[in-house]
Amino acid sequence: MSVDQATVRRIAHLARIAVEDQEVERLGAELNAILDFVAELSSVDVAGVEPLTSVLPMQMKKRQDVVTDGGFADAILANAPEKDDHYFVVPKVVE
C-alpha cells in the first residue's frame, strides 16, 4: 500500500492537523515507511506463540469487577461551579 499526497492531506484533515504544502511529501514518505514496517511484521510466523503481557513470567494482578462510585464523589465535586446530586451540571452544547 502506498500513501499519495492526497491521502496525506486527507489524513491531516481528519486529524485536524495543519500541514504545509512542503511537508506533505515528507509525511507521505514517513507514512509509507510505517506501513512497510507493519507489512513486514505481518509476514512473521507467530503460530504457536503465546501472547505476552510482560517479557518476564508473572501473573497479572486481578481485581473484582465491581462497579463503585470510587468513594470520592464529594471531594471531586467540591470545586464544581454547579452540581446536582453527585453530577456535574454543564451547559447544553448539542441540539
Protein backbone atom coordinates (compact mmCIF):
# COMPACT_ATOMS: atom_id res chain seq x y z
CA MET A 1 0.00 0.00 0.00
CA SER A 2 1.29 3.43 -0.85
CA VAL A 3 0.17 6.76 0.55
CA ASP A 4 -0.07 9.55 -2.01
CA GLN A 5 -0.21 13.30 -1.39
CA ALA A 6 -4.00 13.41 -1.49
CA THR A 7 -4.17 10.72 1.18
CA VAL A 8 -1.69 12.61 3.37
CA ARG A 9 -3.82 15.73 3.09
CA ARG A 10 -6.98 13.72 3.87
CA ILE A 11 -5.37 12.14 6.95
CA ALA A 12 -4.19 15.56 8.13
CA HIS A 13 -7.69 16.97 7.62
CA LEU A 14 -9.31 14.12 9.56
CA ALA A 15 -6.75 14.51 12.37
CA ARG A 16 -7.28 18.29 12.36
CA ILE A 17 -3.57 18.85 11.79
CA ALA A 18 -2.36 21.80 9.76
CA VAL A 19 0.14 20.53 7.19
CA GLU A 20 2.11 22.90 4.99
CA ASP A 21 2.50 22.00 1.30
CA GLN A 22 6.24 21.44 1.67
CA GLU A 23 5.63 18.89 4.49
CA VAL A 24 3.25 16.67 2.50
CA GLU A 25 5.93 14.73 0.62
CA ARG A 26 7.99 14.09 3.77
CA LEU A 27 4.94 12.97 5.74
CA GLY A 28 3.91 10.67 2.88
CA ALA A 29 7.35 9.04 2.97
CA GLU A 30 7.10 8.60 6.75
CA LEU A 31 3.63 7.06 6.50
CA ASN A 32 4.81 4.71 3.74
CA ALA A 33 7.77 3.64 5.92
CA ILE A 34 5.38 2.89 8.79
CA LEU A 35 3.07 0.88 6.54
CA ASP A 36 6.05 -1.05 5.11
CA PHE A 37 7.18 -1.89 8.64
CA VAL A 38 3.68 -3.11 9.59
CA ALA A 39 3.58 -5.24 6.43
CA GLU A 40 6.95 -6.71 7.38
CA LEU A 41 5.67 -7.50 10.88
CA SER A 42 2.56 -9.19 9.49
CA SER A 43 4.75 -11.59 7.49
CA VAL A 44 6.29 -13.02 10.70
CA ASP A 45 5.01 -16.53 11.55
CA VAL A 46 3.66 -16.40 15.09
CA ALA A 47 1.80 -19.72 15.05
CA GLY A 48 2.15 -21.37 18.44
CA VAL A 49 3.47 -18.25 20.16
CA GLU A 50 1.54 -17.35 23.29
CA PRO A 51 0.58 -13.70 23.78
CA LEU A 52 2.72 -11.85 26.33
CA THR A 53 1.85 -9.19 28.85
CA SER A 54 5.46 -8.93 30.01
CA VAL A 55 8.86 -10.23 28.99
CA LEU A 56 9.17 -11.69 32.49
CA PRO A 57 6.93 -14.57 33.55
CA MET A 58 4.47 -13.07 36.01
CA GLN A 59 0.82 -13.35 36.90
CA MET A 60 -1.38 -10.38 36.19
CA LYS A 61 -2.93 -8.77 39.25
CA LYS A 62 -6.67 -9.14 39.07
CA ARG A 63 -9.40 -7.39 40.98
CA GLN A 64 -13.07 -7.99 41.38
CA ASP A 65 -15.13 -6.40 38.62
CA VAL A 66 -17.32 -4.31 40.90
CA VAL A 67 -18.99 -1.03 39.98
CA THR A 68 -18.44 1.67 42.60
CA ASP A 69 -18.50 5.45 42.71
CA GLY A 70 -14.88 5.42 43.87
CA GLY A 71 -15.81 6.83 47.24
CA PHE A 72 -14.61 10.32 46.31
CA ALA A 73 -17.74 11.90 44.80
CA ASP A 74 -17.98 14.67 47.41
CA ALA A 75 -14.28 15.53 47.14
CA ILE A 76 -14.40 15.55 43.34
CA LEU A 77 -17.46 17.79 43.25
CA ALA A 78 -16.18 20.15 45.97
CA ASN A 79 -14.86 22.70 43.46
CA ALA A 80 -17.57 22.24 40.82
CA PRO A 81 -19.18 25.56 39.91
CA GLU A 82 -22.56 23.83 39.67
CA LYS A 83 -23.69 20.35 40.66
CA ASP A 84 -26.87 18.35 41.06
CA ASP A 85 -26.80 15.38 43.45
CA HIS A 86 -23.47 13.70 42.55
CA TYR A 87 -23.27 15.02 38.96
CA PHE A 88 -21.59 17.98 37.29
CA VAL A 89 -24.03 20.44 35.70
CA VAL A 90 -22.78 21.76 32.36
CA PRO A 91 -24.35 23.92 29.66
CA LYS A 92 -26.10 22.10 26.84
CA VAL A 93 -23.84 22.05 23.76
CA VAL A 94 -25.72 19.67 21.45
CA GLU A 95 -29.14 20.31 19.98
